Amino acid sequence: MADTTIKITEEARDRLRQLAEERGISTRAYVERLIAARPTEAERAERTARAVSYVRSNLRPDLSDDDVREAALWRAAITAGQVGDRR
């Protein structure tokens, strides 16, 4: 296992510690869980490709690349708060 030092604000450090303590794990373990849970862009692209393939094979054989692009734009707009009601 490698040791790494990062510089963060005291507030961020304290928050990491608190979040880890609430889960009964070390700060190191909590950070490792956060990192493991966040996919890379390559992993996201692979997941998307598998999902599109599944949908085309099992649900909607006529799903076009334009449909997939439109869905991606729609999702991005929702994430950016441009569509829908955030509560």
N, C-alpha and C. Protein backbone atom coordinates (compact mmCIF):
# COMPACT_ATOMS: atom_id res chain seq x y z
N MET A 1 0.85 -1.17 0.00
CA MET A 1 0.00 0.00 0.00
C MET A 1 0.90 1.24 0.00
N ALA A 2 0.54 2.21 -0.80
CA ALA A 2 1.34 3.43 -0.93
C ALA A 2 0.75 4.53 -0.06
N ASP A 3 1.63 5.35 0.49
CA ASP A 3 1.19 6.53 1.24
C ASP A 3 1.21 7.73 0.32
N THR A 4 0.18 8.56 0.43
CA THR A 4 0.07 9.76 -0.36
C THR A 4 -0.37 10.90 0.55
N THR A 5 0.17 12.06 0.32
CA THR A 5 -0.23 13.24 1.08
C THR A 5 -0.91 14.20 0.13
N ILE A 6 -2.08 14.70 0.55
CA ILE A 6 -2.76 15.74 -0.22
C ILE A 6 -3.03 16.91 0.71
N LYS A 7 -3.09 18.08 0.14
CA LYS A 7 -3.37 19.28 0.92
C LYS A 7 -4.83 19.67 0.69
N ILE A 8 -5.59 19.70 1.78
CA ILE A 8 -6.98 20.12 1.74
C ILE A 8 -7.23 21.06 2.90
N THR A 9 -8.33 21.76 2.85
CA THR A 9 -8.65 22.68 3.94
C THR A 9 -8.92 21.89 5.21
N GLU A 10 -8.79 22.56 6.34
CA GLU A 10 -9.10 21.90 7.62
C GLU A 10 -10.56 21.48 7.66
N GLU A 11 -11.42 22.31 7.07
CA GLU A 11 -12.84 21.98 7.05
C GLU A 11 -13.10 20.69 6.29
N ALA A 12 -12.44 20.54 5.15
CA ALA A 12 -12.61 19.32 4.35
C ALA A 12 -12.06 18.12 5.11
N ARG A 13 -10.92 18.26 5.74
CA ARG A 13 -10.33 17.18 6.53
C ARG A 13 -11.27 16.77 7.66
N ASP A 14 -11.80 17.75 8.38
CA ASP A 14 -12.69 17.46 9.49
C ASP A 14 -13.97 16.78 9.01
N ARG A 15 -14.45 17.21 7.87
CA ARG A 15 -15.67 16.59 7.31
C ARG A 15 -15.40 15.15 6.91
N LEU A 16 -14.26 14.89 6.28
CA LEU A 16 -13.89 13.52 5.93
C LEU A 16 -13.83 12.66 7.18
N ARG A 17 -13.21 13.15 8.21
CA ARG A 17 -13.11 12.40 9.47
C ARG A 17 -14.50 12.10 10.04
N GLN A 18 -15.35 13.12 10.05
CA GLN A 18 -16.70 12.94 10.59
C GLN A 18 -17.48 11.90 9.78
N LEU A 19 -17.43 12.02 8.45
CA LEU A 19 -18.13 11.07 7.60
C LEU A 19 -17.61 9.64 7.81
N ALA A 20 -16.31 9.50 7.95
CA ALA A 20 -15.72 8.18 8.18
C ALA A 20 -16.15 7.63 9.55
N GLU A 21 -16.09 8.47 10.57
CA GLU A 21 -16.48 8.04 11.91
C GLU A 21 -17.94 7.60 11.95
N GLU A 22 -18.81 8.32 11.24
CA GLU A 22 -20.23 7.95 11.20
C GLU A 22 -20.44 6.57 10.60
N ARG A 23 -19.51 6.14 9.77
CA ARG A 23 -19.61 4.84 9.13
C ARG A 23 -18.78 3.78 9.85
N GLY A 24 -18.07 4.21 10.89
CA GLY A 24 -17.27 3.28 11.68
C GLY A 24 -16.03 2.78 10.97
N ILE A 25 -15.49 3.62 10.08
CA ILE A 25 -14.29 3.24 9.34
C ILE A 25 -13.26 4.36 9.43
N SER A 26 -12.04 4.05 9.01
CA SER A 26 -10.99 5.07 9.02
C SER A 26 -11.19 6.06 7.88
N THR A 27 -10.54 7.20 8.01
CA THR A 27 -10.60 8.20 6.94
C THR A 27 -10.03 7.61 5.65
N ARG A 28 -8.93 6.88 5.78
CA ARG A 28 -8.32 6.25 4.61
C ARG A 28 -9.32 5.31 3.91
N ALA A 29 -9.99 4.46 4.68
CA ALA A 29 -10.96 3.53 4.11
C ALA A 29 -12.12 4.28 3.46
N TYR A 30 -12.55 5.37 4.09
CA TYR A 30 -13.65 6.16 3.52
C TYR A 30 -13.24 6.77 2.19
N VAL A 31 -12.07 7.35 2.12
CA VAL A 31 -11.59 7.95 0.86
C VAL A 31 -11.47 6.86 -0.21
N GLU A 32 -10.96 5.68 0.16
CA GLU A 32 -10.84 4.59 -0.81
C GLU A 32 -12.21 4.18 -1.33
N ARG A 33 -13.22 4.15 -0.45
CA ARG A 33 -14.59 3.82 -0.89
C ARG A 33 -15.13 4.88 -1.85
N LEU A 34 -14.87 6.14 -1.53
CA LEU A 34 -15.33 7.21 -2.41
C LEU A 34 -14.73 7.06 -3.80
N ILE A 35 -13.45 6.80 -3.83
CA ILE A 35 -12.76 6.67 -5.12
C ILE A 35 -13.25 5.45 -5.88
N ALA A 36 -13.42 4.33 -5.19
CA ALA A 36 -13.87 3.10 -5.84
C ALA A 36 -15.28 3.25 -6.41
N ALA A 37 -16.10 4.08 -5.77
CA ALA A 37 -17.48 4.23 -6.19
C ALA A 37 -17.65 5.17 -7.38
N ARG A 38 -16.64 5.93 -7.71
CA ARG A 38 -16.73 6.91 -8.80
C ARG A 38 -16.06 6.35 -10.04
N PRO A 39 -16.83 6.03 -11.08
CA PRO A 39 -16.22 5.44 -12.27
C PRO A 39 -15.42 6.46 -13.08
N THR A 40 -14.41 5.95 -13.77
CA THR A 40 -13.66 6.79 -14.70
C THR A 40 -14.51 7.01 -15.95
N GLU A 41 -14.10 7.92 -16.78
CA GLU A 41 -14.84 8.15 -18.03
C GLU A 41 -14.84 6.90 -18.90
N ALA A 42 -13.73 6.17 -18.92
CA ALA A 42 -13.67 4.93 -19.71
C ALA A 42 -14.65 3.90 -19.15
N GLU A 43 -14.73 3.79 -17.83
CA GLU A 43 -15.68 2.86 -17.22
C GLU A 43 -17.12 3.27 -17.51
N ARG A 44 -17.39 4.56 -17.46
CA ARG A 44 -18.74 5.05 -17.78
C ARG A 44 -19.10 4.74 -19.23
N ALA A 45 -18.15 4.95 -20.13
CA ALA A 45 -18.40 4.68 -21.55
C ALA A 45 -18.68 3.18 -21.76
N GLU A 46 -17.93 2.33 -21.07
CA GLU A 46 -18.14 0.88 -21.19
C GLU A 46 -19.51 0.49 -20.64
N ARG A 47 -19.90 1.05 -19.50
CA ARG A 47 -21.23 0.78 -18.93
C ARG A 47 -22.33 1.21 -19.88
N THR A 48 -22.14 2.39 -20.46
CA THR A 48 -23.14 2.90 -21.40
C THR A 48 -23.26 1.99 -22.61
N ALA A 49 -22.12 1.57 -23.13
CA ALA A 49 -22.13 0.68 -24.30
C ALA A 49 -22.84 -0.64 -23.97
N ARG A 50 -22.57 -1.19 -22.79
CA ARG A 50 -23.24 -2.43 -22.39
C ARG A 50 -24.74 -2.22 -22.23
N ALA A 51 -25.12 -1.09 -21.63
CA ALA A 51 -26.54 -0.79 -21.43
C ALA A 51 -27.26 -0.62 -22.76
N VAL A 52 -26.66 0.11 -23.67
CA VAL A 52 -27.27 0.32 -24.99
C VAL A 52 -27.40 -1.02 -25.70
N SER A 53 -26.38 -1.84 -25.62
CA SER A 53 -26.43 -3.16 -26.25
C SER A 53 -27.55 -4.00 -25.65
N TYR A 54 -27.70 -3.96 -24.34
CA TYR A 54 -28.78 -4.70 -23.69
C TYR A 54 -30.15 -4.21 -24.15
N VAL A 55 -30.32 -2.90 -24.16
CA VAL A 55 -31.61 -2.33 -24.57
C VAL A 55 -31.92 -2.74 -26.01
N ARG A 56 -30.94 -2.65 -26.89
CA ARG A 56 -31.17 -3.03 -28.29
C ARG A 56 -31.48 -4.52 -28.42
N SER A 57 -30.83 -5.34 -27.62
CA SER A 57 -31.03 -6.79 -27.72
C SER A 57 -32.33 -7.26 -27.09
N ASN A 58 -32.76 -6.59 -26.03
CA ASN A 58 -33.87 -7.12 -25.25
C ASN A 58 -35.12 -6.27 -25.20
N LEU A 59 -34.98 -4.99 -25.47
CA LEU A 59 -36.13 -4.11 -25.28
C LEU A 59 -36.53 -3.32 -26.51
N ARG A 60 -35.54 -2.79 -27.17
CA ARG A 60 -35.85 -1.86 -28.25
C ARG A 60 -34.82 -1.98 -29.37
N PRO A 61 -35.01 -2.94 -30.27
CA PRO A 61 -34.02 -3.15 -31.34
C PRO A 61 -33.84 -1.96 -32.26
N ASP A 62 -34.84 -1.07 -32.30
CA ASP A 62 -34.76 0.09 -33.19
C ASP A 62 -34.12 1.32 -32.52
N LEU A 63 -33.56 1.16 -31.32
CA LEU A 63 -32.91 2.27 -30.64
C LEU A 63 -31.74 2.77 -31.49
N SER A 64 -31.79 4.03 -31.87
CA SER A 64 -30.76 4.57 -32.77
C SER A 64 -29.67 5.29 -31.98
N ASP A 65 -28.57 5.55 -32.66
CA ASP A 65 -27.50 6.34 -32.04
C ASP A 65 -28.00 7.74 -31.71
N ASP A 66 -28.89 8.28 -32.54
CA ASP A 66 -29.47 9.60 -32.25
C ASP A 66 -30.30 9.56 -30.96
N ASP A 67 -31.04 8.47 -30.75
CA ASP A 67 -31.80 8.32 -29.51
C ASP A 67 -30.86 8.34 -28.30
N VAL A 68 -29.75 7.64 -28.42
CA VAL A 68 -28.78 7.56 -27.32
C VAL A 68 -28.17 8.94 -27.07
N ARG A 69 -27.81 9.66 -28.12
CA ARG A 69 -27.26 11.01 -27.96
C ARG A 69 -28.28 11.95 -27.32
N GLU A 70 -29.53 11.86 -27.76
CA GLU A 70 -30.58 12.71 -27.20
C GLU A 70 -30.77 12.42 -25.71
N ALA A 71 -30.73 11.16 -25.34
CA ALA A 71 -30.86 10.79 -23.94
C ALA A 71 -29.69 11.33 -23.12
N ALA A 72 -28.49 11.28 -23.67
CA ALA A 72 -27.32 11.80 -22.97
C ALA A 72 -27.43 13.30 -22.76
N LEU A 73 -27.91 14.02 -23.77
CA LEU A 73 -28.11 15.47 -23.63
C LEU A 73 -29.18 15.78 -22.59
N TRP A 74 -30.24 15.00 -22.59
CA TRP A 74 -31.31 15.18 -21.64
C TRP A 74 -30.82 14.95 -20.22
N ARG A 75 -30.02 13.88 -20.02
CA ARG A 75 -29.46 13.60 -18.70
C ARG A 75 -28.53 14.72 -18.25
N ALA A 76 -27.71 15.21 -19.14
CA ALA A 76 -26.80 16.31 -18.80
C ALA A 76 -27.58 17.56 -18.39
N ALA A 77 -28.66 17.84 -19.09
CA ALA A 77 -29.49 19.00 -18.75
C ALA A 77 -30.13 18.83 -17.37
N ILE A 78 -30.57 17.63 -17.05
CA ILE A 78 -31.14 17.37 -15.73
C ILE A 78 -30.08 17.55 -14.66
N THR A 79 -28.90 16.98 -14.89
CA THR A 79 -27.81 17.07 -13.92
C THR A 79 -27.40 18.53 -13.70
N ALA A 80 -27.44 19.33 -14.76
CA ALA A 80 -27.06 20.74 -14.66
C ALA A 80 -28.17 21.60 -14.08
N GLY A 81 -29.32 20.99 -13.81
CA GLY A 81 -30.43 21.75 -13.24
C GLY A 81 -31.19 22.58 -14.26
N GLN A 82 -31.01 22.27 -15.53
CA GLN A 82 -31.68 23.02 -16.60
C GLN A 82 -33.07 22.48 -16.92
N VAL A 83 -33.34 21.25 -16.47
CA VAL A 83 -34.61 20.60 -16.72
C VAL A 83 -35.10 20.01 -15.41
N GLY A 84 -36.39 20.08 -15.19
CA GLY A 84 -36.95 19.48 -13.99
C GLY A 84 -36.92 20.42 -12.81
N ASP A 85 -37.54 19.97 -11.75
CA ASP A 85 -37.66 20.79 -10.54
C ASP A 85 -36.78 20.17 -9.46
N ARG A 86 -35.72 20.87 -9.08
CA ARG A 86 -34.86 20.40 -8.01
C ARG A 86 -35.46 20.76 -6.67
N ARG A 87 -35.60 19.79 -5.83
CA ARG A 87 -36.18 20.03 -4.51
C ARG A 87 -35.24 19.65 -3.44
